[in-house]
Amino acid sequence: MEDVFGCKLIYRSWKEVNERARSISLEEAGRVCADWDIRQEGVAEECFLRAVRLYIAVKRVIEEVGGVDGVGANCLNESFHSDTTPCLAWNMLFERDNIIWAC
């Protein structure tokens, strides 16, 4: 990939990212998303905040690695590690941070 496309692939454990997400308090997640204008009709607040926690955890990994332009995951096949669907987190990575996500 690097020689042909100039992309360097760096692997991280999806399980570990989800463990990091669960360690983030719902209160912190609430502070992070306080200015997000996202319709939540019919979505329980805790479910919404679980996705925000995943956003925070992924963002922290991105900051640790540095120079990240895109991220991908096999979240469907590894969904047993998650307590939320990750789609909101991926969308917010793009909308707020210009990080491309590939499923």
PDB file of N, CA and C in Angstrom:
ATOM      1  N   MET A   1       0.820  -1.197   0.000  1.00  0.00           N
ATOM      2  CA  MET A   1       0.000   0.000   0.000  1.00  0.00           C
ATOM      3  C   MET A   1       0.864   1.262   0.000  1.00  0.00           C
ATOM      4  N   GLU A   2       1.893   1.244   0.811  1.00  0.00           N
ATOM      5  CA  GLU A   2       2.709   2.444   0.921  1.00  0.00           C
ATOM      6  C   GLU A   2       3.459   2.727  -0.379  1.00  0.00           C
ATOM      7  N   ASP A   3       4.049   1.687  -0.979  1.00  0.00           N
ATOM      8  CA  ASP A   3       4.804   1.877  -2.216  1.00  0.00           C
ATOM      9  C   ASP A   3       3.908   2.285  -3.379  1.00  0.00           C
ATOM     10  N   VAL A   4       2.745   1.677  -3.476  1.00  0.00           N
ATOM     11  CA  VAL A   4       1.870   1.925  -4.616  1.00  0.00           C
ATOM     12  C   VAL A   4       1.028   3.184  -4.435  1.00  0.00           C
ATOM     13  N   PHE A   5       0.402   3.335  -3.268  1.00  0.00           N
ATOM     14  CA  PHE A   5      -0.527   4.431  -3.063  1.00  0.00           C
ATOM     15  C   PHE A   5      -0.016   5.524  -2.127  1.00  0.00           C
ATOM     16  N   GLY A   6       1.097   5.292  -1.484  1.00  0.00           N
ATOM     17  CA  GLY A   6       1.624   6.273  -0.542  1.00  0.00           C
ATOM     18  C   GLY A   6       0.885   6.284   0.781  1.00  0.00           C
ATOM     19  N   CYS A   7       0.130   5.237   1.051  1.00  0.00           N
ATOM     20  CA  CYS A   7      -0.638   5.134   2.297  1.00  0.00           C
ATOM     21  C   CYS A   7       0.062   4.185   3.247  1.00  0.00           C
ATOM     22  N   LYS A   8       0.257   4.626   4.443  1.00  0.00           N
ATOM     23  CA  LYS A   8       0.827   3.766   5.466  1.00  0.00           C
ATOM     24  C   LYS A   8      -0.310   3.246   6.339  1.00  0.00           C
ATOM     25  N   LEU A   9      -0.391   1.941   6.496  1.00  0.00           N
ATOM     26  CA  LEU A   9      -1.429   1.336   7.318  1.00  0.00           C
ATOM     27  C   LEU A   9      -0.881   1.060   8.716  1.00  0.00           C
ATOM     28  N   ILE A  10      -1.603   1.531   9.700  1.00  0.00           N
ATOM     29  CA  ILE A  10      -1.238   1.319  11.094  1.00  0.00           C
ATOM     30  C   ILE A  10      -2.414   0.612  11.746  1.00  0.00           C
ATOM     31  N   TYR A  11      -2.171  -0.532  12.329  1.00  0.00           N
ATOM     32  CA  TYR A  11      -3.235  -1.336  12.917  1.00  0.00           C
ATOM     33  C   TYR A  11      -3.338  -1.091  14.421  1.00  0.00           C
ATOM     34  N   ARG A  12      -4.585  -1.015  14.885  1.00  0.00           N
ATOM     35  CA  ARG A  12      -4.880  -0.931  16.305  1.00  0.00           C
ATOM     36  C   ARG A  12      -5.979  -1.937  16.608  1.00  0.00           C
ATOM     37  N   SER A  13      -6.070  -2.353  17.826  1.00  0.00           N
ATOM     38  CA  SER A  13      -7.083  -3.318  18.239  1.00  0.00           C
ATOM     39  C   SER A  13      -8.435  -2.638  18.399  1.00  0.00           C
ATOM     40  N   TRP A  14      -9.437  -3.148  17.683  1.00  0.00           N
ATOM     41  CA  TRP A  14     -10.797  -2.618  17.808  1.00  0.00           C
ATOM     42  C   TRP A  14     -11.324  -2.856  19.228  1.00  0.00           C
ATOM     43  N   LYS A  15     -10.972  -3.995  19.778  1.00  0.00           N
ATOM     44  CA  LYS A  15     -11.383  -4.315  21.143  1.00  0.00           C
ATOM     45  C   LYS A  15     -10.830  -3.276  22.120  1.00  0.00           C
ATOM     46  N   GLU A  16      -9.557  -2.921  21.986  1.00  0.00           N
ATOM     47  CA  GLU A  16      -8.946  -1.947  22.886  1.00  0.00           C
ATOM     48  C   GLU A  16      -9.562  -0.558  22.730  1.00  0.00           C
ATOM     49  N   VAL A  17      -9.884  -0.178  21.497  1.00  0.00           N
ATOM     50  CA  VAL A  17     -10.521   1.125  21.286  1.00  0.00           C
ATOM     51  C   VAL A  17     -11.873   1.161  21.997  1.00  0.00           C
ATOM     52  N   ASN A  18     -12.616   0.068  21.899  1.00  0.00           N
ATOM     53  CA  ASN A  18     -13.915   0.017  22.583  1.00  0.00           C
ATOM     54  C   ASN A  18     -13.768   0.006  24.092  1.00  0.00           C
ATOM     55  N   GLU A  19     -12.730  -0.640  24.594  1.00  0.00           N
ATOM     56  CA  GLU A  19     -12.484  -0.600  26.035  1.00  0.00           C
ATOM     57  C   GLU A  19     -12.161   0.823  26.484  1.00  0.00           C
ATOM     58  N   ARG A  20     -11.396   1.526  25.671  1.00  0.00           N
ATOM     59  CA  ARG A  20     -11.088   2.925  25.979  1.00  0.00           C
ATOM     60  C   ARG A  20     -12.357   3.764  25.978  1.00  0.00           C
ATOM     61  N   ALA A  21     -13.220   3.498  25.005  1.00  0.00           N
ATOM     62  CA  ALA A  21     -14.477   4.250  24.922  1.00  0.00           C
ATOM     63  C   ALA A  21     -15.319   4.044  26.172  1.00  0.00           C
ATOM     64  N   ARG A  22     -15.403   2.800  26.630  1.00  0.00           N
ATOM     65  CA  ARG A  22     -16.200   2.516  27.828  1.00  0.00           C
ATOM     66  C   ARG A  22     -15.623   3.167  29.082  1.00  0.00           C
ATOM     67  N   SER A  23     -14.334   3.473  29.071  1.00  0.00           N
ATOM     68  CA  SER A  23     -13.721   4.106  30.247  1.00  0.00           C
ATOM     69  C   SER A  23     -13.990   5.609  30.307  1.00  0.00           C
ATOM     70  N   ILE A  24     -14.548   6.174  29.256  1.00  0.00           N
ATOM     71  CA  ILE A  24     -14.869   7.603  29.215  1.00  0.00           C
ATOM     72  C   ILE A  24     -16.246   7.797  29.845  1.00  0.00           C
ATOM     73  N   SER A  25     -16.351   8.741  30.739  1.00  0.00           N
ATOM     74  CA  SER A  25     -17.627   8.952  31.431  1.00  0.00           C
ATOM     75  C   SER A  25     -18.666   9.530  30.473  1.00  0.00           C
ATOM     76  N   LEU A  26     -19.924   9.237  30.768  1.00  0.00           N
ATOM     77  CA  LEU A  26     -21.012   9.818  29.993  1.00  0.00           C
ATOM     78  C   LEU A  26     -21.039  11.332  30.161  1.00  0.00           C
ATOM     79  N   GLU A  27     -20.592  11.823  31.309  1.00  0.00           N
ATOM     80  CA  GLU A  27     -20.535  13.267  31.548  1.00  0.00           C
ATOM     81  C   GLU A  27     -19.531  13.931  30.607  1.00  0.00           C
ATOM     82  N   GLU A  28     -18.349  13.304  30.460  1.00  0.00           N
ATOM     83  CA  GLU A  28     -17.360  13.852  29.536  1.00  0.00           C
ATOM     84  C   GLU A  28     -17.899  13.836  28.115  1.00  0.00           C
ATOM     85  N   ALA A  29     -18.542  12.742  27.737  1.00  0.00           N
ATOM     86  CA  ALA A  29     -19.135  12.650  26.400  1.00  0.00           C
ATOM     87  C   ALA A  29     -20.152  13.774  26.191  1.00  0.00           C
ATOM     88  N   GLY A  30     -20.944  14.041  27.218  1.00  0.00           N
ATOM     89  CA  GLY A  30     -21.930  15.112  27.128  1.00  0.00           C
ATOM     90  C   GLY A  30     -21.294  16.469  26.912  1.00  0.00           C
ATOM     91  N   ARG A  31     -20.161  16.708  27.563  1.00  0.00           N
ATOM     92  CA  ARG A  31     -19.455  17.981  27.380  1.00  0.00           C
ATOM     93  C   ARG A  31     -18.910  18.100  25.954  1.00  0.00           C
ATOM     94  N   VAL A  32     -18.372  16.996  25.426  1.00  0.00           N
ATOM     95  CA  VAL A  32     -17.782  17.022  24.086  1.00  0.00           C
ATOM     96  C   VAL A  32     -18.832  17.325  23.028  1.00  0.00           C
ATOM     97  N   CYS A  33     -20.023  16.774  23.187  1.00  0.00           N
ATOM     98  CA  CYS A  33     -21.039  16.928  22.142  1.00  0.00           C
ATOM     99  C   CYS A  33     -22.036  18.039  22.427  1.00  0.00           C
ATOM    100  N   ALA A  34     -21.775  18.860  23.419  1.00  0.00           N
ATOM    101  CA  ALA A  34     -22.732  19.885  23.818  1.00  0.00           C
ATOM    102  C   ALA A  34     -23.096  20.835  22.679  1.00  0.00           C
ATOM    103  N   ASP A  35     -22.176  21.080  21.764  1.00  0.00           N
ATOM    104  CA  ASP A  35     -22.461  22.009  20.669  1.00  0.00           C
ATOM    105  C   ASP A  35     -22.802  21.311  19.350  1.00  0.00           C
ATOM    106  N   TRP A  36     -22.963  19.995  19.370  1.00  0.00           N
ATOM    107  CA  TRP A  36     -23.331  19.267  18.163  1.00  0.00           C
ATOM    108  C   TRP A  36     -24.811  19.462  17.892  1.00  0.00           C
ATOM    109  N   ASP A  37     -25.162  19.753  16.685  1.00  0.00           N
ATOM    110  CA  ASP A  37     -26.566  19.920  16.309  1.00  0.00           C
ATOM    111  C   ASP A  37     -27.027  18.660  15.580  1.00  0.00           C
ATOM    112  N   ILE A  38     -27.374  17.647  16.368  1.00  0.00           N
ATOM    113  CA  ILE A  38     -27.766  16.355  15.810  1.00  0.00           C
ATOM    114  C   ILE A  38     -29.147  15.997  16.334  1.00  0.00           C
ATOM    115  N   ARG A  39     -30.032  15.678  15.407  1.00  0.00           N
ATOM    116  CA  ARG A  39     -31.381  15.253  15.811  1.00  0.00           C
ATOM    117  C   ARG A  39     -31.280  13.903  16.507  1.00  0.00           C
ATOM    118  N   GLN A  40     -31.932  13.791  17.642  1.00  0.00           N
ATOM    119  CA  GLN A  40     -31.877  12.563  18.435  1.00  0.00           C
ATOM    120  C   GLN A  40     -33.262  11.996  18.703  1.00  0.00           C
ATOM    121  N   GLU A  41     -34.225  12.411  17.928  1.00  0.00           N
ATOM    122  CA  GLU A  41     -35.600  11.956  18.150  1.00  0.00           C
ATOM    123  C   GLU A  41     -35.662  10.430  18.166  1.00  0.00           C
ATOM    124  N   GLY A  42     -36.188   9.882  19.256  1.00  0.00           N
ATOM    125  CA  GLY A  42     -36.340   8.442  19.392  1.00  0.00           C
ATOM    126  C   GLY A  42     -35.080   7.707  19.823  1.00  0.00           C
ATOM    127  N   VAL A  43     -34.006   8.439  20.080  1.00  0.00           N
ATOM    128  CA  VAL A  43     -32.747   7.818  20.503  1.00  0.00           C
ATOM    129  C   VAL A  43     -32.522   8.148  21.977  1.00  0.00           C
ATOM    130  N   ALA A  44     -32.329   7.134  22.779  1.00  0.00           N
ATOM    131  CA  ALA A  44     -32.069   7.353  24.196  1.00  0.00           C
ATOM    132  C   ALA A  44     -30.753   8.112  24.374  1.00  0.00           C
ATOM    133  N   GLU A  45     -30.736   9.035  25.310  1.00  0.00           N
ATOM    134  CA  GLU A  45     -29.541   9.864  25.553  1.00  0.00           C
ATOM    135  C   GLU A  45     -28.297   9.013  25.814  1.00  0.00           C
ATOM    136  N   GLU A  46     -28.422   7.967  26.608  1.00  0.00           N
ATOM    137  CA  GLU A  46     -27.254   7.128  26.901  1.00  0.00           C
ATOM    138  C   GLU A  46     -26.730   6.450  25.642  1.00  0.00           C
ATOM    139  N   CYS A  47     -27.600   6.019  24.770  1.00  0.00           N
ATOM    140  CA  CYS A  47     -27.163   5.391  23.509  1.00  0.00           C
ATOM    141  C   CYS A  47     -26.408   6.393  22.649  1.00  0.00           C
ATOM    142  N   PHE A  48     -26.914   7.607  22.582  1.00  0.00           N
ATOM    143  CA  PHE A  48     -26.240   8.668  21.841  1.00  0.00           C
ATOM    144  C   PHE A  48     -24.847   8.921  22.429  1.00  0.00           C
ATOM    145  N   LEU A  49     -24.775   9.000  23.758  1.00  0.00           N
ATOM    146  CA  LEU A  49     -23.504   9.301  24.407  1.00  0.00           C
ATOM    147  C   LEU A  49     -22.495   8.156  24.266  1.00  0.00           C
ATOM    148  N   ARG A  50     -22.960   6.937  24.113  1.00  0.00           N
ATOM    149  CA  ARG A  50     -22.037   5.818  23.853  1.00  0.00           C
ATOM    150  C   ARG A  50     -21.314   6.031  22.526  1.00  0.00           C
ATOM    151  N   ALA A  51     -22.023   6.511  21.530  1.00  0.00           N
ATOM    152  CA  ALA A  51     -21.389   6.806  20.239  1.00  0.00           C
ATOM    153  C   ALA A  51     -20.391   7.956  20.379  1.00  0.00           C
ATOM    154  N   VAL A  52     -20.730   8.936  21.198  1.00  0.00           N
ATOM    155  CA  VAL A  52     -19.817  10.053  21.434  1.00  0.00           C
ATOM    156  C   VAL A  52     -18.556   9.554  22.133  1.00  0.00           C
ATOM    157  N   ARG A  53     -18.713   8.643  23.089  1.00  0.00           N
ATOM    158  CA  ARG A  53     -17.526   8.068  23.761  1.00  0.00           C
ATOM    159  C   ARG A  53     -16.626   7.379  22.757  1.00  0.00           C
ATOM    160  N   LEU A  54     -17.205   6.670  21.796  1.00  0.00           N
ATOM    161  CA  LEU A  54     -16.391   6.018  20.764  1.00  0.00           C
ATOM    162  C   LEU A  54     -15.673   7.060  19.915  1.00  0.00           C
ATOM    163  N   TYR A  55     -16.356   8.129  19.567  1.00  0.00           N
ATOM    164  CA  TYR A  55     -15.727   9.236  18.835  1.00  0.00           C
ATOM    165  C   TYR A  55     -14.510   9.756  19.600  1.00  0.00           C
ATOM    166  N   ILE A  56     -14.680   9.988  20.896  1.00  0.00           N
ATOM    167  CA  ILE A  56     -13.585  10.501  21.722  1.00  0.00           C
ATOM    168  C   ILE A  56     -12.420   9.519  21.739  1.00  0.00           C
ATOM    169  N   ALA A  57     -12.714   8.235  21.919  1.00  0.00           N
ATOM    170  CA  ALA A  57     -11.651   7.221  21.985  1.00  0.00           C
ATOM    171  C   ALA A  57     -10.895   7.135  20.670  1.00  0.00           C
ATOM    172  N   VAL A  58     -11.594   7.119  19.562  1.00  0.00           N
ATOM    173  CA  VAL A  58     -10.934   7.051  18.250  1.00  0.00           C
ATOM    174  C   VAL A  58     -10.116   8.310  18.014  1.00  0.00           C
ATOM    175  N   LYS A  59     -10.670   9.446  18.383  1.00  0.00           N
ATOM    176  CA  LYS A  59      -9.948  10.709  18.211  1.00  0.00           C
ATOM    177  C   LYS A  59      -8.652  10.714  19.024  1.00  0.00           C
ATOM    178  N   ARG A  60      -8.682  10.155  20.210  1.00  0.00           N
ATOM    179  CA  ARG A  60      -7.464  10.087  21.031  1.00  0.00           C
ATOM    180  C   ARG A  60      -6.411   9.194  20.377  1.00  0.00           C
ATOM    181  N   VAL A  61      -6.825   8.085  19.810  1.00  0.00           N
ATOM    182  CA  VAL A  61      -5.870   7.222  19.101  1.00  0.00           C
ATOM    183  C   VAL A  61      -5.286   7.967  17.908  1.00  0.00           C
ATOM    184  N   ILE A  62      -6.129   8.682  17.169  1.00  0.00           N
ATOM    185  CA  ILE A  62      -5.659   9.462  16.024  1.00  0.00           C
ATOM    186  C   ILE A  62      -4.622  10.484  16.475  1.00  0.00           C
ATOM    187  N   GLU A  63      -4.880  11.153  17.579  1.00  0.00           N
ATOM    188  CA  GLU A  63      -3.934  12.149  18.092  1.00  0.00           C
ATOM    189  C   GLU A  63      -2.628  11.507  18.545  1.00  0.00           C
ATOM    190  N   GLU A  64      -2.700  10.315  19.133  1.00  0.00           N
ATOM    191  CA  GLU A  64      -1.494   9.601  19.547  1.00  0.00           C
ATOM    192  C   GLU A  64      -0.636   9.215  18.345  1.00  0.00           C
ATOM    193  N   VAL A  65      -1.280   8.745  17.288  1.00  0.00           N
ATOM    194  CA  VAL A  65      -0.558   8.312  16.087  1.00  0.00           C
ATOM    195  C   VAL A  65      -0.025   9.530  15.338  1.00  0.00           C
ATOM    196  N   GLY A  66      -0.857  10.546  15.177  1.00  0.00           N
ATOM    197  CA  GLY A  66      -0.472  11.767  14.478  1.00  0.00           C
ATOM    198  C   GLY A  66      -0.466  11.608  12.966  1.00  0.00           C
ATOM    199  N   GLY A  67      -0.784  12.677  12.264  1.00  0.00           N
ATOM    200  CA  GLY A  67      -0.740  12.685  10.808  1.00  0.00           C
ATOM    201  C   GLY A  67      -1.741  11.758  10.131  1.00  0.00           C
ATOM    202  N   VAL A  68      -2.863  11.506  10.776  1.00  0.00           N
ATOM    203  CA  VAL A  68      -3.863  10.584  10.236  1.00  0.00           C
ATOM    204  C   VAL A  68      -4.844  11.346   9.344  1.00  0.00           C
ATOM    205  N   ASP A  69      -5.038  10.851   8.123  1.00  0.00           N
ATOM    206  CA  ASP A  69      -5.997  11.446   7.195  1.00  0.00           C
ATOM    207  C   ASP A  69      -7.251  10.601   7.029  1.00  0.00           C
ATOM    208  N   GLY A  70      -7.159   9.328   7.374  1.00  0.00           N
ATOM    209  CA  GLY A  70      -8.294   8.433   7.212  1.00  0.00           C
ATOM    210  C   GLY A  70      -8.201   7.263   8.169  1.00  0.00           C
ATOM    211  N   VAL A  71      -9.348   6.691   8.490  1.00  0.00           N
ATOM    212  CA  VAL A  71      -9.422   5.594   9.437  1.00  0.00           C
ATOM    213  C   VAL A  71     -10.406   4.571   8.890  1.00  0.00           C
ATOM    214  N   GLY A  72     -10.184   3.330   9.225  1.00  0.00           N
ATOM    215  CA  GLY A  72     -11.115   2.282   8.830  1.00  0.00           C
ATOM    216  C   GLY A  72     -11.215   1.234   9.916  1.00  0.00           C
ATOM    217  N   ALA A  73     -12.290   0.471   9.865  1.00  0.00           N
ATOM    218  CA  ALA A  73     -12.472  -0.587  10.854  1.00  0.00           C
ATOM    219  C   ALA A  73     -13.357  -1.672  10.284  1.00  0.00           C
ATOM    220  N   ASN A  74     -13.209  -2.836  10.836  1.00  0.00           N
ATOM    221  CA  ASN A  74     -14.060  -3.968  10.507  1.00  0.00           C
ATOM    222  C   ASN A  74     -15.077  -4.105  11.639  1.00  0.00           C
ATOM    223  N   CYS A  75     -15.794  -3.017  11.880  1.00  0.00           N
ATOM    224  CA  CYS A  75     -16.654  -2.962  13.062  1.00  0.00           C
ATOM    225  C   CYS A  75     -17.849  -3.907  12.972  1.00  0.00           C
ATOM    226  N   LEU A  76     -18.318  -4.211  11.790  1.00  0.00           N
ATOM    227  CA  LEU A  76     -19.452  -5.132  11.676  1.00  0.00           C
ATOM    228  C   LEU A  76     -19.064  -6.522  12.170  1.00  0.00           C
ATOM    229  N   ASN A  77     -17.926  -7.024  11.718  1.00  0.00           N
ATOM    230  CA  ASN A  77     -17.493  -8.360  12.122  1.00  0.00           C
ATOM    231  C   ASN A  77     -16.975  -8.409  13.555  1.00  0.00           C
ATOM    232  N   GLU A  78     -16.661  -7.261  14.117  1.00  0.00           N
ATOM    233  CA  GLU A  78     -16.168  -7.231  15.489  1.00  0.00           C
ATOM    234  C   GLU A  78     -17.125  -6.482  16.413  1.00  0.00           C
ATOM    235  N   SER A  79     -18.398  -6.435  16.031  1.00  0.00           N
ATOM    236  CA  SER A  79     -19.377  -5.660  16.797  1.00  0.00           C
ATOM    237  C   SER A  79     -19.587  -6.189  18.207  1.00  0.00           C
ATOM    238  N   PHE A  80     -19.212  -7.435  18.462  1.00  0.00           N
ATOM    239  CA  PHE A  80     -19.362  -7.980  19.815  1.00  0.00           C
ATOM    240  C   PHE A  80     -18.482  -7.255  20.821  1.00  0.00           C
ATOM    241  N   HIS A  81     -17.497  -6.465  20.335  1.00  0.00           N
ATOM    242  CA  HIS A  81     -16.667  -5.668  21.233  1.00  0.00           C
ATOM    243  C   HIS A  81     -17.328  -4.325  21.575  1.00  0.00           C
ATOM    244  N   SER A  82     -18.355  -3.939  20.841  1.00  0.00           N
ATOM    245  CA  SER A  82     -18.940  -2.606  20.963  1.00  0.00           C
ATOM    246  C   SER A  82     -20.227  -2.616  21.774  1.00  0.00           C
ATOM    247  N   ASP A  83     -20.508  -1.476  22.393  1.00  0.00           N
ATOM    248  CA  ASP A  83     -21.798  -1.313  23.050  1.00  0.00           C
ATOM    249  C   ASP A  83     -22.635  -0.258  22.334  1.00  0.00           C
ATOM    250  N   THR A  84     -22.248   0.055  21.090  1.00  0.00           N
ATOM    251  CA  THR A  84     -22.973   1.025  20.283  1.00  0.00           C
ATOM    252  C   THR A  84     -22.691   0.751  18.806  1.00  0.00           C
ATOM    253  N   THR A  85     -23.532   1.299  17.951  1.00  0.00           N
ATOM    254  CA  THR A  85     -23.198   1.302  16.535  1.00  0.00           C
ATOM    255  C   THR A  85     -22.286   2.499  16.303  1.00  0.00           C
ATOM    256  N   PRO A  86     -21.246   2.346  15.524  1.00  0.00           N
ATOM    257  CA  PRO A  86     -20.237   3.391  15.413  1.00  0.00           C
ATOM    258  C   PRO A  86     -20.518   4.466  14.366  1.00  0.00           C
ATOM    259  N   CYS A  87     -21.599   4.371  13.628  1.00  0.00           N
ATOM    260  CA  CYS A  87     -21.799   5.256  12.481  1.00  0.00           C
ATOM    261  C   CYS A  87     -21.797   6.738  12.844  1.00  0.00           C
ATOM    262  N   LEU A  88     -22.403   7.116  13.964  1.00  0.00           N
ATOM    263  CA  LEU A  88     -22.393   8.520  14.367  1.00  0.00           C
ATOM    264  C   LEU A  88     -20.962   8.981  14.639  1.00  0.00           C
ATOM    265  N   ALA A  89     -20.182   8.147  15.301  1.00  0.00           N
ATOM    266  CA  ALA A  89     -18.791   8.514  15.588  1.00  0.00           C
ATOM    267  C   ALA A  89     -18.021   8.753  14.296  1.00  0.00           C
ATOM    268  N   TRP A  90     -18.216   7.888  13.310  1.00  0.00           N
ATOM    269  CA  TRP A  90     -17.493   8.028  12.044  1.00  0.00           C
ATOM    270  C   TRP A  90     -17.926   9.306  11.330  1.00  0.00           C
ATOM    271  N   ASN A  91     -19.227   9.568  11.339  1.00  0.00           N
ATOM    272  CA  ASN A  91     -19.727  10.775  10.700  1.00  0.00           C
ATOM    273  C   ASN A  91     -19.159  12.026  11.363  1.00  0.00           C
ATOM    274  N   MET A  92     -19.096  12.036  12.685  1.00  0.00           N
ATOM    275  CA  MET A  92     -18.579  13.212  13.378  1.00  0.00           C
ATOM    276  C   MET A  92     -17.073  13.370  13.187  1.00  0.00           C
ATOM    277  N   LEU A  93     -16.348  12.275  13.039  1.00  0.00           N
ATOM    278  CA  LEU A  93     -14.920  12.389  12.716  1.00  0.00           C
ATOM    279  C   LEU A  93     -14.751  13.143  11.404  1.00  0.00           C
ATOM    280  N   PHE A  94     -15.624  12.859  10.447  1.00  0.00           N
ATOM    281  CA  PHE A  94     -15.536  13.559   9.170  1.00  0.00           C
ATOM    282  C   PHE A  94     -16.019  15.004   9.291  1.00  0.00           C
ATOM    283  N   GLU A  95     -17.193  15.200   9.858  1.00  0.00           N
ATOM    284  CA  GLU A  95     -17.766  16.546   9.912  1.00  0.00           C
ATOM    285  C   GLU A  95     -16.981  17.508  10.785  1.00  0.00           C
ATOM    286  N   ARG A  96     -16.469  17.038  11.904  1.00  0.00           N
ATOM    287  CA  ARG A  96     -15.787  17.931  12.837  1.00  0.00           C
ATOM    288  C   ARG A  96     -14.277  17.984  12.634  1.00  0.00           C
ATOM    289  N   ASP A  97     -13.701  16.876  12.134  1.00  0.00           N
ATOM    290  CA  ASP A  97     -12.240  16.775  12.107  1.00  0.00           C
ATOM    291  C   ASP A  97     -11.654  16.499  10.720  1.00  0.00           C
ATOM    292  N   ASN A  98     -12.516  16.380   9.712  1.00  0.00           N
ATOM    293  CA  ASN A  98     -12.081  16.104   8.341  1.00  0.00           C
ATOM    294  C   ASN A  98     -11.280  14.810   8.220  1.00  0.00           C
ATOM    295  N   ILE A  99     -11.619  13.839   9.048  1.00  0.00           N
ATOM    296  CA  ILE A  99     -10.999  12.525   8.987  1.00  0.00           C
ATOM    297  C   ILE A  99     -11.938  11.608   8.209  1.00  0.00           C
ATOM    298  N   ILE A 100     -11.449  11.039   7.144  1.00  0.00           N
ATOM    299  CA  ILE A 100     -12.252  10.132   6.308  1.00  0.00           C
ATOM    300  C   ILE A 100     -12.341   8.794   6.993  1.00  0.00           C
ATOM    301  N   TRP A 101     -13.537   8.212   6.976  1.00  0.00           N
ATOM    302  CA  TRP A 101     -13.760   6.901   7.570  1.00  0.00           C
ATOM    303  C   TRP A 101     -14.171   5.923   6.493  1.00  0.00           C
ATOM    304  N   ALA A 102     -13.617   4.720   6.541  1.00  0.00           N
ATOM    305  CA  ALA A 102     -14.005   3.653   5.605  1.00  0.00           C
ATOM    306  C   ALA A 102     -14.410   2.436   6.395  1.00  0.00           C
ATOM    307  N   CYS A 103     -15.583   1.924   6.102  1.00  0.00           N
ATOM    308  CA  CYS A 103     -16.061   0.724   6.762  1.00  0.00           C
ATOM    309  C   CYS A 103     -15.477  -0.509   6.097  1.00  0.00           C
TER     310      CYS A 103
END
